[in-house]
């Protein structure tokens, strides 16, 4: 009888424990059973991607709404480590020739695609030539111009055979550069240089468009993609370093409103969130908001092929009439640094001085000078009345607030009326690239860790220029800097180039970026690189 009573008590105790466990695991996804028959809670990270990715095709998804996901689905020869420096990835090691121009990468024997295929040197040859192929139409193609034959192929002056990349054998990839590049290993961490499974791509040219056809080689694989709604990534069991990937899934929402995103974070629907401007003071004060560096700029572009911005003095007048400090203090309110140049802080020259400090402030708010320059420009153009001006921005509540602040400052400080217009991101990007806008909102996040990446954007005809501006001296300085092995000379060229950019003023700088965010205290290991990618390879969830 005592034995029976004891058995009943044990059963009751087991049921109570089971009920407690069920309550603790409520809301967590499960996947299969453990050896003891208990369901194991999945580690699912809930993120927000804001918008539908432009593309998960590596050379096309060259923007902020595609590359964080791409960076976790794919992996290149090198990958930025937790210290933000390039580290071995698909390539376990490499050799460099004495002249610094030839790199020979040795791929890992266990590097595989999510479908089980080996990642080969041929996959990199295929992908890098496709990046540079003018028919691909990649906005990132310029990043490959340091490859011998790359620029000529992309410009239609050469062929794919002239591009100096080759597969020495299945696991040995060789590339020849036009000149030694101090930042080469950093550049090729960019998603534009990710490999593509040649066999898969040849069989299905749209392999990247849906989850069921997507083949990746990074920490995660794409398992669900409900367009304009959400997408899901799961741990890639074929990834060479899968043992260090702790998350089972990452669920990405697409909510393009920071207030809604914040509410989803508060209710537990998201594990991270941006910080709404109206709550920033409170969230910084209570220690909830966290901030890390990010290399990039929020700015506006003038179209110098459209009136009235063909006139440099009118462009300068508009810029000097804007108070960047007031914008970051009262509009964005996230601790950003006002931008009075284009290269962001954080890059050291050979003397150890920060580029931004050495180059100094190249423009400042000056209302009297702005009024005088506007009058001078109007006289030069024969304007009695300034032509109508429209500022166009991509649809977003934050961009709207910024545009309204610019509109108000130009009215108060120059008595210039500016109309506002907005459109969805994908259309906006195409129209801006085609120089359809007179005055438009823009941003730049560094693709790799070097000041030249900021400055190369404004070369004549560059895919990222989008202003119609051209200057021969500037172009020569950038070209020479890219081919200069002496770091002191290279930085001097870049300092001079930035000064020319601000003497001509095809842009209106507003602030340098940072990364301000909220994060669930149960989440660890997310790495936010200054170049803009979010790294989830080492992320974990309690």
Protein backbone atom coordinates (compact mmCIF):
# COMPACT_ATOMS: atom_id res chain seq x y z
CA UNK A 1 0.00 0.00 0.00
CA UNK A 2 2.85 2.40 0.87
CA UNK A 3 4.52 1.55 -2.43
CA UNK A 4 1.29 2.31 -4.31
CA UNK A 5 0.87 5.62 -2.44
CA UNK A 6 4.48 6.58 -3.21
CA UNK A 7 3.97 5.79 -6.89
CA UNK A 8 0.86 8.01 -7.02
CA UNK A 9 2.79 10.89 -5.43
CA UNK A 10 5.60 10.51 -7.97
CA UNK A 11 3.12 10.58 -10.86
CA UNK A 12 1.43 13.71 -9.47
CA UNK A 13 4.82 15.39 -9.00
CA UNK A 14 5.82 14.52 -12.57
CA UNK A 15 2.59 16.01 -13.91
CA UNK A 16 3.15 19.25 -11.97
CA UNK A 17 6.69 19.55 -13.35
CA UNK A 18 5.37 18.88 -16.85
CA UNK A 19 2.75 21.63 -16.48
CA UNK A 20 5.38 24.11 -15.25
CA UNK A 21 7.64 23.31 -18.18
CA UNK A 22 4.75 23.74 -20.62
CA UNK A 23 4.02 27.21 -19.19
CA UNK A 24 7.68 28.25 -19.43
CA UNK A 25 7.91 27.13 -23.04
CA UNK A 26 4.63 28.73 -24.13
CA UNK A 27 5.09 30.71 -27.34
CA UNK A 28 8.38 28.99 -28.26
CA UNK A 29 8.57 26.94 -31.43
CA UNK A 30 9.49 23.27 -31.11
CA UNK A 31 11.20 20.90 -33.46
CA UNK A 32 11.20 17.17 -32.91
CA UNK A 33 11.97 15.31 -29.74
CA UNK A 34 15.00 14.77 -27.58
CA UNK A 35 16.24 11.31 -26.62
CA UNK A 36 14.15 11.49 -23.44
CA UNK A 37 10.96 12.04 -25.42
CA UNK A 38 10.61 15.70 -24.39
CA UNK A 39 10.07 18.35 -27.04
CA UNK A 40 13.13 20.63 -27.33
CA UNK A 41 12.42 24.34 -27.58
CA UNK A 42 13.84 25.89 -30.75
CA UNK A 43 16.00 28.95 -30.51
CA UNK A 44 14.16 31.38 -32.76
CA UNK A 45 15.37 34.96 -33.15
CA UNK A 46 12.75 37.51 -34.24
CA UNK A 47 14.13 40.39 -36.32
CA UNK A 48 12.68 43.14 -38.51
CA UNK A 49 13.90 43.76 -42.06
CA UNK A 50 11.69 46.86 -42.53
CA UNK A 51 10.98 46.21 -46.22
CA UNK A 52 10.87 43.49 -48.85
CA UNK A 53 14.48 42.69 -49.82
CA UNK A 54 15.40 44.12 -53.20
CA UNK A 55 16.96 40.78 -54.10
CA UNK A 56 18.79 37.84 -52.55
CA UNK A 57 20.89 37.61 -55.70
CA UNK A 58 24.27 38.70 -54.24
CA UNK A 59 25.34 41.31 -56.83
CA UNK A 60 21.83 42.80 -57.02
CA UNK A 61 20.95 42.90 -53.31
CA UNK A 62 23.39 45.77 -52.84
CA UNK A 63 21.38 47.80 -50.35
CA UNK A 64 20.41 48.07 -46.69
CA UNK A 65 17.20 46.03 -47.05
CA UNK A 66 18.99 43.02 -48.56
CA UNK A 67 22.55 42.70 -47.31
CA UNK A 68 22.05 41.88 -43.62
CA UNK A 69 20.02 38.82 -44.58
CA UNK A 70 22.40 38.00 -47.44
CA UNK A 71 25.35 38.19 -45.06
CA UNK A 72 23.81 35.41 -42.97
CA UNK A 73 22.66 33.26 -45.87
CA UNK A 74 25.94 33.43 -47.75
CA UNK A 75 29.67 33.58 -47.12
CA UNK A 76 32.63 34.75 -49.17
CA UNK A 77 36.32 33.95 -49.11
CA UNK A 78 36.67 36.13 -46.01
CA UNK A 79 34.17 37.16 -43.36
CA UNK A 80 34.26 40.01 -40.85
CA UNK A 81 35.00 38.60 -37.42
CA UNK A 82 33.68 39.72 -34.06
CA UNK A 83 36.50 42.32 -34.05
CA UNK A 84 35.21 43.67 -37.43
CA UNK A 85 38.40 42.57 -39.20
CA UNK A 86 38.45 40.21 -42.21
CA UNK A 87 39.07 36.59 -41.19
CA UNK A 88 39.26 33.26 -43.04
CA UNK A 89 35.86 31.98 -44.13
CA UNK A 90 35.28 29.78 -47.20
CA UNK A 91 39.02 30.29 -47.79
CA UNK A 92 40.92 28.77 -44.89
CA UNK A 93 44.17 30.48 -45.97
CA UNK A 94 45.73 32.44 -48.82
CA UNK A 95 49.07 33.38 -50.35
CA UNK A 96 50.05 36.82 -51.67
CA UNK A 97 52.67 37.44 -54.34
CA UNK A 98 55.71 39.60 -53.61
CA UNK A 99 54.28 42.51 -55.59
CA UNK A 100 50.99 42.31 -53.61
CA UNK A 101 48.89 41.85 -56.74
CA UNK A 102 48.18 38.12 -56.93
CA UNK A 103 46.12 36.40 -54.23
CA UNK A 104 45.78 32.63 -54.18
CA UNK A 105 42.94 31.42 -51.95
CA UNK A 106 42.73 27.85 -50.67
CA UNK A 107 39.10 26.86 -50.09
CA UNK A 108 38.04 24.58 -47.24
CA UNK A 109 37.53 20.96 -48.19
CA UNK A 110 34.32 20.90 -46.12
CA UNK A 111 32.84 24.09 -47.64
CA UNK A 112 29.47 23.02 -49.05
CA UNK A 113 26.24 24.48 -50.38
CA UNK A 114 22.96 23.95 -48.55
CA UNK A 115 22.01 21.34 -51.16
CA UNK A 116 25.14 19.33 -50.38
CA UNK A 117 27.25 20.40 -53.39
CA UNK A 118 30.88 21.34 -52.81
CA UNK A 119 31.69 25.07 -52.92
CA UNK A 120 34.33 25.27 -55.65
CA UNK A 121 36.77 27.82 -56.99
CA UNK A 122 34.68 27.73 -60.17
CA UNK A 123 31.69 29.05 -58.20
CA UNK A 124 33.74 32.13 -57.29
CA UNK A 125 34.97 32.59 -60.87
CA UNK A 126 31.38 32.37 -62.09
CA UNK A 127 30.07 34.80 -59.45
CA UNK A 128 32.81 37.43 -59.75
CA UNK A 129 32.58 37.54 -63.54
CA UNK A 130 28.80 37.76 -63.26
CA UNK A 131 29.19 40.71 -60.85
CA UNK A 132 31.28 42.51 -63.49
CA UNK A 133 29.16 41.49 -66.47
CA UNK A 134 27.40 44.64 -67.77
CA UNK A 135 24.34 42.52 -68.57
CA UNK A 136 23.92 41.77 -64.85
CA UNK A 137 23.43 45.47 -64.15
CA UNK A 138 24.89 45.33 -60.65
CA UNK A 139 25.25 48.66 -58.84
CA UNK A 140 28.11 46.98 -56.94
CA UNK A 141 30.20 46.22 -60.04
CA UNK A 142 32.56 49.12 -59.32
CA UNK A 143 33.82 47.25 -56.24
CA UNK A 144 35.44 44.75 -58.61
CA UNK A 145 37.36 47.31 -60.63
CA UNK A 146 40.55 46.49 -58.71
CA UNK A 147 40.56 43.10 -60.50
CA UNK A 148 42.71 43.16 -63.62
CA UNK A 149 40.34 43.40 -66.58
CA UNK A 150 37.28 44.02 -64.37
CA UNK A 151 36.56 47.64 -65.24
CA UNK A 152 37.08 47.10 -68.97
CA UNK A 153 34.65 44.16 -68.97
CA UNK A 154 32.02 46.09 -67.02
CA UNK A 155 32.35 49.12 -69.31
CA UNK A 156 32.04 47.04 -72.47
CA UNK A 157 35.67 47.56 -73.49
CA UNK A 158 36.80 44.05 -72.61
CA UNK A 159 35.56 40.49 -72.32
CA UNK A 160 34.93 38.05 -69.50
CA UNK A 161 38.09 36.21 -70.55
CA UNK A 162 40.12 39.31 -69.72
CA UNK A 163 38.98 39.31 -66.06
CA UNK A 164 41.91 37.87 -64.13
CA UNK A 165 40.18 35.37 -61.88
CA UNK A 166 40.68 31.65 -62.32
CA UNK A 167 40.15 28.26 -60.73
CA UNK A 168 43.60 26.69 -60.40
CA UNK A 169 41.80 23.54 -59.30
CA UNK A 170 38.51 22.68 -57.55
CA UNK A 171 39.60 24.25 -54.26
CA UNK A 172 42.15 26.90 -55.35
CA UNK A 173 41.02 30.33 -56.53
CA UNK A 174 43.40 32.97 -57.91
CA UNK A 175 42.81 36.67 -58.55
CA UNK A 176 45.16 39.28 -59.99
CA UNK A 177 44.69 42.92 -58.94
CA UNK A 178 45.53 46.05 -60.89
CA UNK A 179 47.69 47.22 -57.98
CA UNK A 180 48.27 46.30 -54.32
CA UNK A 181 45.15 47.08 -52.29
CA UNK A 182 45.48 47.50 -48.52
CA UNK A 183 41.76 46.93 -48.06
CA UNK A 184 41.25 44.01 -50.48
CA UNK A 185 40.49 41.35 -47.85
CA UNK A 186 37.89 43.69 -46.32
CA UNK A 187 36.22 44.46 -49.66
CA UNK A 188 35.62 40.81 -50.49
CA UNK A 189 33.61 40.28 -47.30
CA UNK A 190 30.91 42.32 -49.08
CA UNK A 191 27.89 40.30 -50.32
CA UNK A 192 28.69 41.35 -53.89
CA UNK A 193 31.64 38.90 -53.76
CA UNK A 194 29.73 35.92 -52.45
CA UNK A 195 29.96 32.78 -54.63
CA UNK A 196 27.05 31.44 -56.64
CA UNK A 197 26.44 27.74 -57.23
CA UNK A 198 27.12 27.70 -60.96
CA UNK A 199 25.28 24.43 -61.62
CA UNK A 200 22.13 25.65 -59.85
CA UNK A 201 22.22 29.08 -61.51
CA UNK A 202 22.64 27.62 -64.99
CA UNK A 203 19.71 25.26 -64.47
CA UNK A 204 17.47 27.98 -62.96
CA UNK A 205 18.44 31.63 -63.63
CA UNK A 206 15.80 32.70 -61.05
CA UNK A 207 17.17 30.44 -58.29
CA UNK A 208 17.34 33.40 -55.88
CA UNK A 209 13.70 34.51 -56.22
CA UNK A 210 11.97 31.99 -53.92
CA UNK A 211 12.82 30.06 -50.77
CA UNK A 212 12.29 26.60 -52.28
CA UNK A 213 14.92 27.21 -54.98
CA UNK A 214 17.42 29.19 -52.93
CA UNK A 215 20.83 27.60 -52.39
CA UNK A 216 23.20 29.19 -49.88
CA UNK A 217 26.59 28.45 -48.33
CA UNK A 218 26.46 30.53 -45.14
CA UNK A 219 25.38 29.92 -41.54
CA UNK A 220 21.69 29.86 -42.50
CA UNK A 221 19.48 28.70 -45.35
CA UNK A 222 16.27 30.30 -46.63
CA UNK A 223 13.26 28.11 -45.85
CA UNK A 224 10.28 30.46 -46.17
CA UNK A 225 9.66 33.73 -48.02
CA UNK A 226 6.21 35.27 -48.03
CA UNK A 227 6.89 38.32 -50.16
CA UNK A 228 6.12 41.69 -48.56
CA UNK A 229 5.26 39.85 -45.34
CA UNK A 230 8.17 37.91 -43.82
CA UNK A 231 10.93 35.40 -44.47
CA UNK A 232 12.53 32.67 -42.36
CA UNK A 233 16.08 31.38 -42.24
CA UNK A 234 17.09 28.10 -40.56
CA UNK A 235 20.48 26.84 -39.48
CA UNK A 236 22.38 25.42 -42.44
CA UNK A 237 23.55 21.96 -41.35
CA UNK A 238 25.94 21.86 -44.34
CA UNK A 239 27.78 25.03 -43.30
CA UNK A 240 31.44 24.25 -42.56
CA UNK A 241 31.24 25.95 -39.14
CA UNK A 242 27.71 24.79 -38.22
CA UNK A 243 28.82 23.68 -34.74
CA UNK A 244 29.28 27.35 -33.79
CA UNK A 245 25.83 28.43 -35.05
CA UNK A 246 23.54 28.37 -32.01
CA UNK A 247 20.22 29.63 -33.41
CA UNK A 248 17.77 27.24 -35.04
CA UNK A 249 15.79 29.90 -36.90
CA UNK A 250 15.64 33.59 -37.64
CA UNK A 251 12.21 35.03 -38.43
CA UNK A 252 12.32 38.38 -40.25
CA UNK A 253 9.25 40.63 -40.27
CA UNK A 254 8.84 43.50 -42.75
CA UNK A 255 7.52 46.49 -40.81
CA UNK A 256 8.56 49.86 -42.17
CA UNK A 257 7.52 52.00 -39.21
CA UNK A 258 9.69 52.44 -36.13
CA UNK A 259 6.79 53.06 -33.77
CA UNK A 260 5.08 49.82 -34.84
CA UNK A 261 8.41 48.00 -34.65
CA UNK A 262 8.91 49.29 -31.11
CA UNK A 263 5.42 48.12 -30.08
CA UNK A 264 6.16 44.67 -31.49
CA UNK A 265 9.36 44.62 -29.45
CA UNK A 266 7.48 45.59 -26.30
CA UNK A 267 4.95 42.79 -26.81
CA UNK A 268 7.68 40.22 -27.47
CA UNK A 269 7.00 39.82 -31.19
CA UNK A 270 10.51 41.09 -31.96
CA UNK A 271 13.80 40.55 -30.14
CA UNK A 272 15.36 43.80 -31.37
CA UNK A 273 14.03 47.21 -32.37
CA UNK A 274 15.08 50.63 -33.56
CA UNK A 275 14.61 53.52 -31.14
CA UNK A 276 11.76 55.89 -32.13
CA UNK A 277 12.95 59.52 -31.99
CA UNK A 278 10.10 60.56 -29.70
CA UNK A 279 11.16 57.95 -27.11
CA UNK A 280 14.93 58.24 -27.47
CA UNK A 281 15.51 60.54 -24.49
CA UNK A 282 13.54 58.25 -22.19
CA UNK A 283 15.13 55.04 -23.51
CA UNK A 284 18.66 56.40 -23.32
CA UNK A 285 18.00 57.69 -19.79
CA UNK A 286 16.81 54.32 -18.48
CA UNK A 287 19.65 52.45 -20.16
CA UNK A 288 17.45 50.50 -22.60
CA UNK A 289 18.88 52.03 -25.75
CA UNK A 290 22.27 50.81 -26.90
CA UNK A 291 24.54 52.46 -29.46
CA UNK A 292 27.44 51.25 -31.61
CA UNK A 293 29.35 52.82 -34.48
CA UNK A 294 28.24 52.70 -38.09
CA UNK A 295 30.20 54.06 -41.02
CA UNK A 296 27.90 56.05 -43.27
CA UNK A 297 26.00 59.24 -44.02
CA UNK A 298 22.45 60.56 -44.25
CA UNK A 299 22.48 63.23 -46.97
CA UNK A 300 20.66 64.78 -49.92
CA UNK A 301 21.70 64.82 -53.58
CA UNK A 302 21.39 67.78 -55.93
CA UNK A 303 20.83 66.95 -59.60
CA UNK A 304 23.30 69.32 -61.25
CA UNK A 305 21.68 68.71 -64.65
CA UNK A 306 18.41 70.30 -63.48
CA UNK A 307 17.61 73.93 -62.72
CA UNK A 308 18.45 75.61 -60.39
CA UNK A 309 21.11 73.20 -59.15
CA UNK A 310 23.33 73.56 -62.18
CA UNK A 311 24.64 76.59 -60.26
CA UNK A 312 27.25 75.86 -57.60
CA UNK A 313 26.45 78.97 -55.56
CA UNK A 314 22.78 78.02 -55.30
CA UNK A 315 23.81 74.54 -54.16
CA UNK A 316 26.12 76.02 -51.53
CA UNK A 317 23.40 78.41 -50.38
CA UNK A 318 20.99 75.53 -49.75
CA UNK A 319 23.60 73.61 -47.76
CA UNK A 320 24.71 76.56 -45.63
CA UNK A 321 21.09 77.33 -44.75
CA UNK A 322 20.70 73.94 -43.04
CA UNK A 323 21.52 73.48 -39.37
CA UNK A 324 22.69 69.88 -38.97
CA UNK A 325 23.10 70.18 -35.21
CA UNK A 326 19.44 71.16 -34.75
CA UNK A 327 18.37 68.22 -36.91
CA UNK A 328 20.18 65.63 -34.79
CA UNK A 329 19.11 67.36 -31.55
CA UNK A 330 15.42 67.82 -32.33
CA UNK A 331 14.46 65.56 -35.26
CA UNK A 332 16.45 62.30 -35.22
CA UNK A 333 17.41 62.47 -31.51
CA UNK A 334 19.53 59.33 -31.57
CA UNK A 335 22.93 60.76 -30.72
CA UNK A 336 24.13 61.11 -34.31
CA UNK A 337 27.09 63.34 -35.15
CA UNK A 338 26.35 66.25 -37.53
CA UNK A 339 28.12 65.83 -40.89
CA UNK A 340 30.31 68.65 -42.18
CA UNK A 341 32.22 66.37 -44.55
CA UNK A 342 31.42 63.08 -46.27
CA UNK A 343 33.91 60.52 -44.92
CA UNK A 344 32.62 59.46 -41.51
CA UNK A 345 34.78 59.29 -38.37
CA UNK A 346 36.61 56.09 -37.51
CA UNK A 347 39.29 55.82 -40.21
CA UNK A 348 42.90 56.44 -39.20
CA UNK A 349 45.55 57.83 -41.57
CA UNK A 350 49.20 56.68 -41.36
CA UNK A 351 49.96 59.32 -38.70
CA UNK A 352 47.21 57.87 -36.50
CA UNK A 353 44.92 60.88 -36.95
CA UNK A 354 41.24 60.30 -37.72
CA UNK A 355 40.40 61.14 -41.36
CA UNK A 356 37.49 63.33 -40.31
CA UNK A 357 39.61 65.29 -37.84
CA UNK A 358 42.43 65.75 -40.36
CA UNK A 359 40.13 66.84 -43.19
CA UNK A 360 38.15 69.12 -40.88
CA UNK A 361 34.77 70.77 -41.38
CA UNK A 362 34.30 71.43 -45.09
CA UNK A 363 30.97 73.24 -44.70
CA UNK A 364 29.15 74.91 -41.80
CA UNK A 365 25.83 76.62 -41.17
CA UNK A 366 26.14 80.30 -42.18
CA UNK A 367 22.85 82.05 -42.86
CA UNK A 368 24.28 85.37 -44.04
CA UNK A 369 26.67 83.66 -46.42
CA UNK A 370 23.83 81.43 -47.64
CA UNK A 371 21.65 84.45 -48.51
CA UNK A 372 24.55 86.14 -50.34
CA UNK A 373 25.36 82.99 -52.32
CA UNK A 374 21.71 82.49 -53.29
CA UNK A 375 21.52 86.07 -54.58
CA UNK A 376 24.80 85.64 -56.46
CA UNK A 377 23.67 82.36 -58.03
CA UNK A 378 20.32 83.79 -59.10
CA UNK A 379 22.07 86.76 -60.69
CA UNK A 380 24.46 84.45 -62.54
CA UNK A 381 21.52 82.49 -63.95
CA UNK A 382 19.35 85.54 -64.62
CA UNK A 383 16.63 84.40 -62.22
CA UNK A 384 14.21 86.94 -60.83
CA UNK A 385 12.43 84.06 -59.12
CA UNK A 386 14.02 80.75 -58.19
CA UNK A 387 12.66 77.85 -60.29
CA UNK A 388 10.30 75.58 -58.38
CA UNK A 389 12.15 73.06 -56.20
CA UNK A 390 10.86 69.59 -55.22
CA UNK A 391 12.55 67.40 -52.62
CA UNK A 392 11.80 63.69 -53.15
CA UNK A 393 12.28 61.00 -50.52
CA UNK A 394 11.59 57.28 -50.23
CA UNK A 395 8.44 56.52 -48.26
CA UNK A 396 9.18 56.38 -44.54
CA UNK A 397 7.96 58.31 -41.53
CA UNK A 398 11.53 59.16 -40.56
CA UNK A 399 12.44 60.38 -44.04
CA UNK A 400 9.27 62.46 -44.04
CA UNK A 401 10.24 64.16 -40.76
CA UNK A 402 13.70 64.90 -42.12
CA UNK A 403 12.34 66.30 -45.37
CA UNK A 404 9.90 68.53 -43.47
CA UNK A 405 12.77 69.86 -41.34
CA UNK A 406 14.80 70.69 -44.47
CA UNK A 407 11.72 72.31 -46.03
CA UNK A 408 11.15 74.48 -42.95
CA UNK A 409 14.81 75.58 -42.66
CA UNK A 410 15.01 76.58 -46.32
CA UNK A 411 11.81 78.59 -45.96
CA UNK A 412 12.87 80.33 -42.74
CA UNK A 413 16.49 80.94 -43.68
CA UNK A 414 16.35 81.59 -47.44
CA UNK A 415 12.65 82.29 -48.04
CA UNK A 416 12.67 79.40 -50.53
CA UNK A 417 9.53 77.27 -50.84
CA UNK A 418 10.24 73.59 -51.38
CA UNK A 419 7.62 71.02 -52.35
CA UNK A 420 7.85 67.48 -50.96
CA UNK A 421 7.20 64.23 -52.81
CA UNK A 422 7.66 60.60 -51.86
CA UNK A 423 7.55 57.14 -53.45
CA UNK A 424 8.25 53.53 -52.53
CA UNK A 425 11.88 52.49 -52.17
CA UNK A 426 12.34 50.28 -55.25
CA UNK A 427 10.86 52.85 -57.63
CA UNK A 428 12.62 55.69 -55.84
CA UNK A 429 16.02 54.00 -56.23
CA UNK A 430 15.51 53.43 -59.96
CA UNK A 431 14.31 56.98 -60.56
CA UNK A 432 17.16 58.52 -58.56
CA UNK A 433 19.74 56.48 -60.47
CA UNK A 434 18.16 57.64 -63.73
CA UNK A 435 18.54 61.30 -62.58
CA UNK A 436 14.79 61.87 -62.56
CA UNK A 437 14.85 63.85 -59.29
CA UNK A 438 15.83 67.47 -58.80
CA UNK A 439 16.71 67.25 -55.10
CA UNK A 440 16.47 63.93 -53.26
CA UNK A 441 17.11 62.11 -50.02
CA UNK A 442 19.93 59.59 -49.86
CA UNK A 443 22.13 57.54 -47.58
CA UNK A 444 25.38 55.68 -47.78
CA UNK A 445 26.61 52.81 -45.61
CA UNK A 446 30.23 51.81 -46.10
CA UNK A 447 30.78 48.65 -48.14
CA UNK A 448 34.24 48.14 -46.66
CA UNK A 449 36.50 49.83 -44.13
CA UNK A 450 38.41 52.49 -46.05
CA UNK A 451 37.74 56.20 -46.82
CA UNK A 452 38.11 55.59 -50.55
CA UNK A 453 34.80 53.72 -50.44
CA UNK A 454 33.03 56.97 -49.51
CA UNK A 455 34.79 59.09 -52.11
CA UNK A 456 34.70 56.72 -55.08
CA UNK A 457 30.91 57.18 -55.18
CA UNK A 458 31.20 60.56 -56.88
CA UNK A 459 33.39 59.64 -59.83
CA UNK A 460 32.01 60.57 -63.23
CA UNK A 461 29.42 58.04 -64.33
CA UNK A 462 29.68 55.99 -61.15
CA UNK A 463 26.56 53.96 -60.40
CA UNK A 464 26.37 55.53 -56.94
CA UNK A 465 26.94 59.15 -58.09
CA UNK A 466 23.29 59.94 -58.93
CA UNK A 467 23.91 63.70 -59.14
CA UNK A 468 25.13 64.21 -62.70
CA UNK A 469 28.22 65.88 -61.22
CA UNK A 470 31.60 65.40 -62.90
CA UNK A 471 35.08 66.73 -62.17
CA UNK A 472 38.21 65.55 -64.01
CA UNK A 473 40.61 66.46 -61.20
CA UNK A 474 38.47 64.58 -58.70
CA UNK A 475 38.30 61.51 -60.95
CA UNK A 476 42.08 61.49 -61.34
CA UNK A 477 42.67 61.77 -57.60
CA UNK A 478 40.39 58.81 -56.90
CA UNK A 479 41.94 56.71 -59.66
CA UNK A 480 45.47 57.53 -58.50
CA UNK A 481 44.58 56.85 -54.84
CA UNK A 482 43.28 53.42 -55.80
CA UNK A 483 46.59 52.60 -57.46
CA UNK A 484 48.84 54.13 -54.79
CA UNK A 485 50.71 51.71 -52.54
CA UNK A 486 52.21 54.47 -50.36
CA UNK A 487 49.61 55.07 -47.63
CA UNK A 488 50.70 58.63 -46.83
CA UNK A 489 50.38 59.68 -50.48
CA UNK A 490 47.09 57.81 -50.80
CA UNK A 491 45.53 59.65 -47.86
CA UNK A 492 46.73 63.02 -49.15
CA UNK A 493 44.95 62.30 -52.43
CA UNK A 494 41.76 61.42 -50.58
CA UNK A 495 41.90 64.59 -48.45
CA UNK A 496 42.27 66.67 -51.59
CA UNK A 497 39.42 64.83 -53.32
CA UNK A 498 37.00 65.45 -50.44
CA UNK A 499 37.82 69.18 -50.52
CA UNK A 500 36.99 69.31 -54.24
CA UNK A 501 33.70 67.53 -53.57
CA UNK A 502 32.71 70.24 -51.10
CA UNK A 503 33.94 73.10 -53.25
CA UNK A 504 31.51 71.86 -55.92
CA UNK A 505 28.79 70.76 -53.42
CA UNK A 506 26.66 68.24 -55.37
CA UNK A 507 25.44 66.93 -52.00
CA UNK A 508 23.97 68.24 -48.74
CA UNK A 509 25.40 66.29 -45.76
CA UNK A 510 23.15 65.93 -42.69
CA UNK A 511 24.57 63.45 -40.18
CA UNK A 512 26.83 60.45 -39.81
CA UNK A 513 25.11 57.21 -38.91
CA UNK A 514 25.32 55.20 -35.75
CA UNK A 515 23.41 52.07 -34.77
CA UNK A 516 20.94 52.71 -31.96
CA UNK A 517 18.85 49.74 -30.92
CA UNK A 518 16.91 47.89 -28.25
CA UNK A 519 17.60 44.21 -27.64
CA UNK A 520 15.97 41.45 -25.63
CA UNK A 521 18.24 40.69 -22.65
CA UNK A 522 17.99 36.98 -23.48
CA UNK A 523 19.82 37.60 -26.76
CA UNK A 524 23.61 37.51 -26.95
CA UNK A 525 26.23 37.40 -29.67
CA UNK A 526 24.68 39.62 -32.35
CA UNK A 527 27.54 41.52 -33.99
CA UNK A 528 26.73 44.87 -35.58
CA UNK A 529 29.59 45.70 -37.90
CA UNK A 530 30.38 49.40 -38.55
CA UNK A 531 30.07 48.67 -42.27
CA UNK A 532 26.38 48.00 -41.76
CA UNK A 533 25.90 44.24 -41.73
CA UNK A 534 24.27 42.42 -38.85
CA UNK A 535 26.08 39.20 -38.00
CA UNK A 536 23.98 36.36 -36.54
CA UNK A 537 26.50 33.53 -36.85
CA UNK A 538 27.41 33.82 -33.17
CA UNK A 539 23.99 34.91 -31.88
CA UNK A 540 22.28 32.94 -29.12
CA UNK A 541 18.97 33.06 -27.25
CA UNK A 542 18.37 31.79 -23.71
